[in-house]
């Protein structure tokens, strides 16, 4: 492990696993589950937060129950991949709430976007009025997801 990364033992990994499954777990319950007392568990939790391993806590929502059933993946090609063009695109893409994920890709296109909308008509509007007008976009290709088969959380990976 590189020196700039915090050293983590089995207790730290257990803390992350339990928190990623239930971010509202009490420190007392967390301590019981990982086999430590409350004080050392709390100290470890604070250290994981202070070192940036834990970046925050949030609620997860079921997008289908919120009416956001339509998922599209969009390949984006830029006119330029100079740093200024990438920075402009990165800043602009952050302002579009329908974009769930953005990945800079090493391949035949520059970015892969995950878009979540209510339906195809809403997606068409997002593509035409928001994505296509982003800085330096030269072309896009859309792939519509028919069904999500597997969507991991970090709890599944740790």
N, C-alpha and C. Protein backbone atom coordinates (compact mmCIF):
# COMPACT_ATOMS: atom_id res chain seq x y z
N UNK A 1 0.84 -1.18 0.00
CA UNK A 1 0.00 0.00 0.00
C UNK A 1 0.89 1.24 0.00
N UNK A 2 0.65 2.22 -0.87
CA UNK A 2 1.47 3.44 -0.88
C UNK A 2 1.45 4.15 0.48
N UNK A 3 2.52 4.87 0.80
CA UNK A 3 2.64 5.53 2.09
C UNK A 3 1.58 6.58 2.35
N UNK A 4 1.02 7.22 1.32
CA UNK A 4 0.05 8.28 1.54
C UNK A 4 -1.34 7.75 1.84
N UNK A 5 -1.55 6.44 1.73
CA UNK A 5 -2.83 5.85 2.06
C UNK A 5 -2.82 5.39 3.51
N UNK A 6 -3.94 5.58 4.21
CA UNK A 6 -3.98 5.16 5.61
C UNK A 6 -3.89 3.63 5.71
N UNK A 7 -3.17 3.17 6.73
CA UNK A 7 -3.09 1.74 7.00
C UNK A 7 -4.42 1.29 7.60
N UNK A 8 -4.96 0.21 7.08
CA UNK A 8 -6.24 -0.28 7.58
C UNK A 8 -6.10 -1.75 7.94
N UNK A 9 -6.59 -2.10 9.13
CA UNK A 9 -6.56 -3.48 9.55
C UNK A 9 -7.97 -4.08 9.42
N UNK A 10 -8.14 -5.29 9.95
CA UNK A 10 -9.43 -5.98 9.79
C UNK A 10 -10.56 -5.23 10.50
N UNK A 11 -10.28 -4.51 11.57
CA UNK A 11 -11.32 -3.75 12.26
C UNK A 11 -11.78 -2.56 11.42
N UNK A 12 -10.82 -1.85 10.83
CA UNK A 12 -11.16 -0.73 9.95
C UNK A 12 -12.01 -1.23 8.77
N UNK A 13 -11.60 -2.33 8.18
CA UNK A 13 -12.35 -2.89 7.05
C UNK A 13 -13.75 -3.32 7.48
N UNK A 14 -13.87 -3.87 8.67
CA UNK A 14 -15.18 -4.26 9.19
C UNK A 14 -16.07 -3.03 9.42
N UNK A 15 -15.47 -1.96 9.94
CA UNK A 15 -16.22 -0.72 10.13
C UNK A 15 -16.78 -0.24 8.79
N UNK A 16 -15.93 -0.21 7.76
CA UNK A 16 -16.38 0.25 6.45
C UNK A 16 -17.48 -0.65 5.89
N UNK A 17 -17.34 -1.93 6.05
CA UNK A 17 -18.34 -2.87 5.54
C UNK A 17 -19.70 -2.64 6.22
N UNK A 18 -19.69 -2.52 7.54
CA UNK A 18 -20.95 -2.32 8.26
C UNK A 18 -21.56 -0.95 7.98
N UNK A 19 -20.73 0.08 7.89
CA UNK A 19 -21.26 1.42 7.59
C UNK A 19 -21.82 1.51 6.18
N UNK A 20 -21.18 0.84 5.23
CA UNK A 20 -21.68 0.91 3.86
C UNK A 20 -23.00 0.16 3.72
N UNK A 21 -23.23 -0.81 4.58
CA UNK A 21 -24.51 -1.53 4.57
C UNK A 21 -25.58 -0.77 5.35
N UNK A 22 -25.16 -0.04 6.41
CA UNK A 22 -26.11 0.69 7.25
C UNK A 22 -25.41 1.91 7.83
N UNK A 23 -25.50 3.03 7.15
CA UNK A 23 -24.84 4.26 7.59
C UNK A 23 -25.43 4.87 8.83
N UNK A 24 -26.60 4.39 9.27
CA UNK A 24 -27.25 4.93 10.46
C UNK A 24 -26.98 4.09 11.71
N UNK A 25 -26.12 3.10 11.59
CA UNK A 25 -25.81 2.24 12.73
C UNK A 25 -25.18 3.07 13.84
N UNK A 26 -25.55 2.79 15.08
CA UNK A 26 -24.95 3.51 16.21
C UNK A 26 -23.53 3.01 16.44
N UNK A 27 -22.73 3.84 17.08
CA UNK A 27 -21.36 3.45 17.39
C UNK A 27 -21.37 2.24 18.32
N UNK A 28 -22.31 2.20 19.24
CA UNK A 28 -22.42 1.06 20.16
C UNK A 28 -22.69 -0.24 19.41
N UNK A 29 -23.64 -0.21 18.48
CA UNK A 29 -23.96 -1.40 17.68
C UNK A 29 -22.79 -1.76 16.77
N UNK A 30 -22.16 -0.76 16.18
CA UNK A 30 -21.00 -1.00 15.32
C UNK A 30 -19.89 -1.67 16.11
N UNK A 31 -19.63 -1.18 17.31
CA UNK A 31 -18.59 -1.76 18.17
C UNK A 31 -18.90 -3.23 18.47
N UNK A 32 -20.15 -3.52 18.78
CA UNK A 32 -20.53 -4.91 19.06
C UNK A 32 -20.31 -5.80 17.85
N UNK A 33 -20.67 -5.30 16.67
CA UNK A 33 -20.55 -6.11 15.46
C UNK A 33 -19.10 -6.39 15.06
N UNK A 34 -18.20 -5.44 15.35
CA UNK A 34 -16.80 -5.65 14.93
C UNK A 34 -15.95 -6.26 16.04
N UNK A 35 -16.50 -6.34 17.26
CA UNK A 35 -15.77 -6.99 18.35
C UNK A 35 -14.80 -6.09 19.09
N UNK A 36 -15.08 -4.79 19.13
CA UNK A 36 -14.29 -3.85 19.92
C UNK A 36 -15.22 -3.12 20.88
N UNK A 37 -14.64 -2.44 21.86
CA UNK A 37 -15.47 -1.60 22.72
C UNK A 37 -15.78 -0.29 22.00
N UNK A 38 -16.67 0.48 22.61
CA UNK A 38 -17.16 1.70 21.97
C UNK A 38 -16.05 2.74 21.75
N UNK A 39 -15.19 2.98 22.73
CA UNK A 39 -14.16 4.03 22.61
C UNK A 39 -13.18 3.78 21.46
N UNK A 40 -12.59 2.59 21.34
CA UNK A 40 -11.68 2.36 20.22
C UNK A 40 -12.41 2.39 18.86
N UNK A 41 -13.65 1.94 18.85
CA UNK A 41 -14.42 1.99 17.60
C UNK A 41 -14.65 3.43 17.19
N UNK A 42 -15.01 4.27 18.15
CA UNK A 42 -15.24 5.69 17.87
C UNK A 42 -13.96 6.37 17.41
N UNK A 43 -12.82 6.02 18.03
CA UNK A 43 -11.53 6.60 17.62
C UNK A 43 -11.18 6.18 16.19
N UNK A 44 -11.42 4.93 15.87
CA UNK A 44 -11.15 4.45 14.51
C UNK A 44 -12.06 5.14 13.50
N UNK A 45 -13.31 5.31 13.86
CA UNK A 45 -14.27 5.98 12.98
C UNK A 45 -13.83 7.42 12.71
N UNK A 46 -13.41 8.12 13.76
CA UNK A 46 -12.92 9.50 13.59
C UNK A 46 -11.67 9.56 12.70
N UNK A 47 -10.76 8.58 12.89
CA UNK A 47 -9.54 8.53 12.07
C UNK A 47 -9.90 8.26 10.60
N UNK A 48 -10.84 7.36 10.34
CA UNK A 48 -11.25 7.08 8.96
C UNK A 48 -11.90 8.30 8.32
N UNK A 49 -12.61 9.09 9.11
CA UNK A 49 -13.19 10.33 8.60
C UNK A 49 -12.09 11.38 8.37
N UNK A 50 -11.19 11.53 9.33
CA UNK A 50 -10.13 12.55 9.24
C UNK A 50 -9.17 12.30 8.09
N UNK A 51 -8.92 11.03 7.77
CA UNK A 51 -7.99 10.70 6.69
C UNK A 51 -8.68 10.67 5.33
N UNK A 52 -10.00 10.92 5.31
CA UNK A 52 -10.71 10.98 4.03
C UNK A 52 -11.16 9.64 3.49
N UNK A 53 -10.98 8.56 4.25
CA UNK A 53 -11.49 7.26 3.80
C UNK A 53 -13.01 7.31 3.81
N UNK A 54 -13.58 7.83 4.89
CA UNK A 54 -15.03 8.07 4.95
C UNK A 54 -15.24 9.53 4.57
N UNK A 55 -15.93 9.75 3.47
CA UNK A 55 -16.11 11.11 2.96
C UNK A 55 -17.45 11.72 3.33
N UNK A 56 -18.36 10.94 3.88
CA UNK A 56 -19.66 11.48 4.26
C UNK A 56 -20.66 10.36 4.44
N UNK A 57 -21.87 10.76 4.80
CA UNK A 57 -22.97 9.83 5.02
C UNK A 57 -24.17 10.36 4.25
N UNK A 58 -24.94 9.44 3.66
CA UNK A 58 -26.10 9.88 2.90
C UNK A 58 -27.14 8.78 2.84
N UNK A 59 -28.34 9.16 2.50
CA UNK A 59 -29.42 8.20 2.31
C UNK A 59 -29.40 7.72 0.86
N UNK A 60 -29.73 6.47 0.65
CA UNK A 60 -29.86 5.92 -0.70
C UNK A 60 -31.34 5.83 -1.03
N UNK A 61 -31.68 6.12 -2.26
CA UNK A 61 -33.08 6.11 -2.69
C UNK A 61 -33.28 5.07 -3.78
N UNK A 62 -34.49 4.55 -3.86
CA UNK A 62 -34.84 3.63 -4.93
C UNK A 62 -35.31 4.46 -6.12
N UNK A 63 -34.50 4.53 -7.18
CA UNK A 63 -34.86 5.40 -8.30
C UNK A 63 -36.16 4.97 -9.00
N UNK A 64 -36.46 3.70 -8.98
CA UNK A 64 -37.69 3.24 -9.64
C UNK A 64 -38.92 3.72 -8.88
N UNK A 65 -38.86 3.69 -7.55
CA UNK A 65 -39.98 4.21 -6.75
C UNK A 65 -40.14 5.72 -6.89
N UNK A 66 -39.08 6.38 -7.35
CA UNK A 66 -39.13 7.83 -7.59
C UNK A 66 -39.51 8.14 -9.03
N UNK A 67 -39.83 7.10 -9.81
CA UNK A 67 -40.24 7.30 -11.20
C UNK A 67 -39.09 7.54 -12.16
N UNK A 68 -37.89 7.15 -11.78
CA UNK A 68 -36.72 7.35 -12.64
C UNK A 68 -36.26 6.00 -13.18
N UNK A 69 -37.13 5.38 -13.98
CA UNK A 69 -36.91 4.02 -14.48
C UNK A 69 -35.96 3.94 -15.66
N UNK A 70 -35.81 5.02 -16.40
CA UNK A 70 -35.07 4.99 -17.67
C UNK A 70 -33.59 5.27 -17.44
N UNK A 71 -32.74 4.31 -17.81
CA UNK A 71 -31.29 4.48 -17.66
C UNK A 71 -30.66 4.40 -19.04
N UNK A 72 -29.84 5.39 -19.36
CA UNK A 72 -29.09 5.40 -20.61
C UNK A 72 -27.62 5.62 -20.29
N UNK A 73 -26.79 5.01 -21.10
CA UNK A 73 -25.35 5.26 -21.03
C UNK A 73 -24.98 5.99 -22.31
N UNK A 74 -24.22 7.05 -22.16
CA UNK A 74 -23.90 7.90 -23.31
C UNK A 74 -22.39 7.99 -23.45
N UNK A 75 -21.91 7.61 -24.62
CA UNK A 75 -20.51 7.84 -24.97
C UNK A 75 -20.42 9.26 -25.51
N UNK A 76 -19.48 10.02 -25.00
CA UNK A 76 -19.29 11.40 -25.44
C UNK A 76 -17.88 11.54 -26.02
N UNK A 77 -17.83 12.11 -27.21
CA UNK A 77 -16.54 12.46 -27.82
C UNK A 77 -16.42 13.98 -27.81
N UNK A 78 -15.25 14.47 -27.43
CA UNK A 78 -15.01 15.91 -27.41
C UNK A 78 -14.23 16.32 -28.66
N UNK A 79 -14.36 17.59 -29.01
CA UNK A 79 -13.59 18.14 -30.14
C UNK A 79 -12.11 18.24 -29.79
N UNK A 80 -11.84 18.41 -28.49
CA UNK A 80 -10.47 18.58 -28.02
C UNK A 80 -10.34 17.89 -26.67
N UNK A 81 -9.18 17.30 -26.43
CA UNK A 81 -8.95 16.71 -25.10
C UNK A 81 -7.81 17.43 -24.37
N UNK A 82 -7.60 18.69 -24.73
CA UNK A 82 -6.65 19.50 -23.98
C UNK A 82 -7.22 19.75 -22.59
N UNK A 83 -6.34 20.07 -21.66
CA UNK A 83 -6.77 20.25 -20.27
C UNK A 83 -7.89 21.27 -20.12
N UNK A 84 -7.82 22.36 -20.85
CA UNK A 84 -8.86 23.39 -20.74
C UNK A 84 -10.21 22.86 -21.19
N UNK A 85 -10.24 22.07 -22.25
CA UNK A 85 -11.49 21.49 -22.75
C UNK A 85 -12.04 20.48 -21.74
N UNK A 86 -11.18 19.64 -21.20
CA UNK A 86 -11.62 18.67 -20.19
C UNK A 86 -12.17 19.37 -18.96
N UNK A 87 -11.48 20.40 -18.51
CA UNK A 87 -11.92 21.15 -17.33
C UNK A 87 -13.27 21.82 -17.57
N UNK A 88 -13.45 22.40 -18.74
CA UNK A 88 -14.73 23.05 -19.06
C UNK A 88 -15.86 22.03 -19.10
N UNK A 89 -15.62 20.88 -19.73
CA UNK A 89 -16.63 19.83 -19.78
C UNK A 89 -16.93 19.32 -18.37
N UNK A 90 -15.89 19.04 -17.59
CA UNK A 90 -16.08 18.53 -16.23
C UNK A 90 -16.92 19.48 -15.38
N UNK A 91 -16.65 20.75 -15.45
CA UNK A 91 -17.40 21.73 -14.66
C UNK A 91 -18.86 21.80 -15.10
N UNK A 92 -19.09 21.77 -16.40
CA UNK A 92 -20.45 21.90 -16.93
C UNK A 92 -21.29 20.66 -16.64
N UNK A 93 -20.69 19.50 -16.73
CA UNK A 93 -21.43 18.25 -16.54
C UNK A 93 -21.92 18.11 -15.10
N UNK A 94 -21.23 18.74 -14.16
CA UNK A 94 -21.62 18.67 -12.75
C UNK A 94 -22.96 19.36 -12.49
N UNK A 95 -23.37 20.23 -13.38
CA UNK A 95 -24.60 21.01 -13.17
C UNK A 95 -25.85 20.33 -13.76
N UNK A 96 -25.72 19.13 -14.29
CA UNK A 96 -26.87 18.45 -14.89
C UNK A 96 -27.31 17.33 -13.95
N UNK A 97 -28.45 17.52 -13.26
CA UNK A 97 -28.85 16.56 -12.23
C UNK A 97 -29.20 15.17 -12.77
N UNK A 98 -29.61 15.07 -14.01
CA UNK A 98 -29.97 13.76 -14.58
C UNK A 98 -28.76 12.86 -14.82
N UNK A 99 -27.58 13.46 -14.82
CA UNK A 99 -26.36 12.67 -15.01
C UNK A 99 -25.97 12.09 -13.66
N UNK A 100 -26.04 10.78 -13.55
CA UNK A 100 -25.78 10.08 -12.30
C UNK A 100 -24.29 9.79 -12.12
N UNK A 101 -23.59 9.48 -13.21
CA UNK A 101 -22.17 9.18 -13.15
C UNK A 101 -21.48 9.72 -14.39
N UNK A 102 -20.21 10.12 -14.22
CA UNK A 102 -19.39 10.58 -15.34
C UNK A 102 -18.01 9.96 -15.19
N UNK A 103 -17.55 9.31 -16.25
CA UNK A 103 -16.24 8.67 -16.23
C UNK A 103 -15.43 9.12 -17.43
N UNK A 104 -14.20 9.58 -17.20
CA UNK A 104 -13.25 9.85 -18.28
C UNK A 104 -12.68 8.51 -18.70
N UNK A 105 -12.73 8.23 -20.00
CA UNK A 105 -12.41 6.90 -20.52
C UNK A 105 -11.16 6.94 -21.39
N UNK A 106 -10.35 5.91 -21.30
CA UNK A 106 -9.24 5.71 -22.24
C UNK A 106 -9.76 4.73 -23.29
N UNK A 107 -10.09 5.24 -24.47
CA UNK A 107 -10.66 4.37 -25.50
C UNK A 107 -11.05 5.16 -26.72
N UNK A 108 -12.06 4.68 -27.43
CA UNK A 108 -12.52 5.30 -28.68
C UNK A 108 -13.40 6.53 -28.45
N UNK A 109 -13.74 6.82 -27.22
CA UNK A 109 -14.51 8.01 -26.89
C UNK A 109 -13.91 8.59 -25.62
N UNK A 110 -14.38 9.75 -25.20
CA UNK A 110 -13.72 10.44 -24.09
C UNK A 110 -14.40 10.26 -22.74
N UNK A 111 -15.73 10.25 -22.72
CA UNK A 111 -16.47 10.14 -21.46
C UNK A 111 -17.59 9.12 -21.60
N UNK A 112 -17.92 8.47 -20.49
CA UNK A 112 -19.10 7.62 -20.41
C UNK A 112 -19.97 8.20 -19.31
N UNK A 113 -21.22 8.52 -19.67
CA UNK A 113 -22.17 9.12 -18.74
C UNK A 113 -23.30 8.14 -18.47
N UNK A 114 -23.73 8.08 -17.23
CA UNK A 114 -24.93 7.32 -16.87
C UNK A 114 -26.02 8.35 -16.59
N UNK A 115 -27.11 8.26 -17.35
CA UNK A 115 -28.20 9.21 -17.26
C UNK A 115 -29.43 8.49 -16.73
N UNK A 116 -30.14 9.12 -15.79
CA UNK A 116 -31.37 8.53 -15.26
C UNK A 116 -32.50 9.55 -15.43
N UNK A 117 -33.56 9.13 -16.14
CA UNK A 117 -34.73 9.98 -16.39
C UNK A 117 -36.01 9.16 -16.20
N UNK A 118 -37.16 9.83 -16.35
CA UNK A 118 -38.44 9.14 -16.20
C UNK A 118 -38.73 8.22 -17.38
N UNK A 119 -38.40 8.68 -18.57
CA UNK A 119 -38.73 7.89 -19.76
C UNK A 119 -37.89 8.36 -20.93
N UNK A 120 -38.11 7.75 -22.08
CA UNK A 120 -37.33 8.06 -23.28
C UNK A 120 -37.52 9.51 -23.72
N UNK A 121 -38.73 10.02 -23.60
CA UNK A 121 -38.97 11.41 -24.01
C UNK A 121 -38.17 12.38 -23.14
N UNK A 122 -38.15 12.16 -21.84
CA UNK A 122 -37.34 13.01 -20.95
C UNK A 122 -35.87 12.89 -21.30
N UNK A 123 -35.42 11.66 -21.58
CA UNK A 123 -34.02 11.48 -21.96
C UNK A 123 -33.69 12.25 -23.23
N UNK A 124 -34.57 12.20 -24.22
CA UNK A 124 -34.34 12.89 -25.49
C UNK A 124 -34.15 14.39 -25.24
N UNK A 125 -34.93 14.95 -24.35
CA UNK A 125 -34.81 16.38 -24.02
C UNK A 125 -33.48 16.65 -23.32
N UNK A 126 -33.10 15.80 -22.38
CA UNK A 126 -31.82 15.97 -21.67
C UNK A 126 -30.67 15.90 -22.67
N UNK A 127 -30.73 14.93 -23.58
CA UNK A 127 -29.66 14.80 -24.58
C UNK A 127 -29.58 16.03 -25.47
N UNK A 128 -30.72 16.47 -25.99
CA UNK A 128 -30.73 17.58 -26.95
C UNK A 128 -30.42 18.92 -26.30
N UNK A 129 -30.99 19.16 -25.13
CA UNK A 129 -30.89 20.49 -24.54
C UNK A 129 -29.77 20.65 -23.51
N UNK A 130 -29.26 19.54 -23.00
CA UNK A 130 -28.23 19.64 -21.95
C UNK A 130 -26.91 19.00 -22.38
N UNK A 131 -26.94 17.72 -22.69
CA UNK A 131 -25.68 17.01 -22.98
C UNK A 131 -25.05 17.50 -24.28
N UNK A 132 -25.84 17.62 -25.33
CA UNK A 132 -25.29 18.03 -26.63
C UNK A 132 -24.77 19.47 -26.62
N UNK A 133 -25.21 20.26 -25.66
CA UNK A 133 -24.76 21.65 -25.59
C UNK A 133 -23.59 21.86 -24.63
N UNK A 134 -23.10 20.78 -24.03
CA UNK A 134 -21.95 20.90 -23.13
C UNK A 134 -20.72 21.37 -23.92
N UNK A 135 -19.79 22.04 -23.27
CA UNK A 135 -18.60 22.55 -23.96
C UNK A 135 -17.80 21.42 -24.63
N UNK A 136 -17.41 21.67 -25.88
CA UNK A 136 -16.49 20.83 -26.65
C UNK A 136 -17.06 19.48 -27.08
N UNK A 137 -18.37 19.25 -26.92
CA UNK A 137 -18.95 17.97 -27.35
C UNK A 137 -19.01 17.95 -28.87
N UNK A 138 -18.44 16.90 -29.46
CA UNK A 138 -18.51 16.76 -30.92
C UNK A 138 -19.52 15.71 -31.33
N UNK A 139 -19.69 14.63 -30.52
CA UNK A 139 -20.68 13.62 -30.85
C UNK A 139 -21.02 12.79 -29.61
N UNK A 140 -22.17 12.13 -29.69
CA UNK A 140 -22.61 11.24 -28.62
C UNK A 140 -23.18 9.97 -29.22
N UNK A 141 -23.12 8.90 -28.46
CA UNK A 141 -23.79 7.65 -28.81
C UNK A 141 -24.50 7.16 -27.57
N UNK A 142 -25.76 6.77 -27.71
CA UNK A 142 -26.58 6.37 -26.58
C UNK A 142 -26.84 4.87 -26.58
N UNK A 143 -26.79 4.29 -25.39
CA UNK A 143 -27.14 2.89 -25.18
C UNK A 143 -28.16 2.86 -24.06
N UNK A 144 -29.34 2.32 -24.32
CA UNK A 144 -30.42 2.28 -23.34
C UNK A 144 -30.36 0.96 -22.58
N UNK A 145 -30.36 1.03 -21.26
CA UNK A 145 -30.36 -0.17 -20.43
C UNK A 145 -31.78 -0.72 -20.37
N UNK A 146 -31.91 -2.00 -20.64
CA UNK A 146 -33.23 -2.64 -20.56
C UNK A 146 -33.52 -3.10 -19.14
N UNK A 147 -32.48 -3.53 -18.40
CA UNK A 147 -32.67 -4.02 -17.05
C UNK A 147 -31.33 -4.00 -16.34
N UNK A 148 -31.33 -3.61 -15.07
CA UNK A 148 -30.12 -3.67 -14.25
C UNK A 148 -30.05 -5.07 -13.64
N UNK A 149 -29.00 -5.79 -13.95
CA UNK A 149 -28.83 -7.14 -13.44
C UNK A 149 -28.07 -7.14 -12.12
N UNK A 150 -27.03 -6.30 -12.04
CA UNK A 150 -26.23 -6.21 -10.83
C UNK A 150 -25.76 -4.78 -10.64
N UNK A 151 -26.00 -4.25 -9.45
CA UNK A 151 -25.51 -2.92 -9.09
C UNK A 151 -24.92 -3.02 -7.70
N UNK A 152 -23.61 -3.07 -7.62
CA UNK A 152 -22.91 -3.20 -6.33
C UNK A 152 -22.87 -1.89 -5.58
N UNK A 153 -22.76 -2.04 -4.28
CA UNK A 153 -22.36 -0.93 -3.44
C UNK A 153 -20.97 -1.28 -2.94
N UNK A 154 -20.30 -0.36 -2.31
CA UNK A 154 -18.97 -0.64 -1.79
C UNK A 154 -19.00 -1.75 -0.75
N UNK A 155 -20.13 -1.92 -0.07
CA UNK A 155 -20.27 -3.00 0.92
C UNK A 155 -20.06 -4.35 0.27
N UNK A 156 -20.41 -4.48 -0.99
CA UNK A 156 -20.26 -5.74 -1.71
C UNK A 156 -18.81 -6.00 -2.10
N UNK A 157 -17.99 -4.96 -2.13
CA UNK A 157 -16.62 -5.06 -2.62
C UNK A 157 -15.63 -5.25 -1.46
N UNK A 158 -15.90 -4.60 -0.35
CA UNK A 158 -14.97 -4.63 0.80
C UNK A 158 -14.97 -6.01 1.43
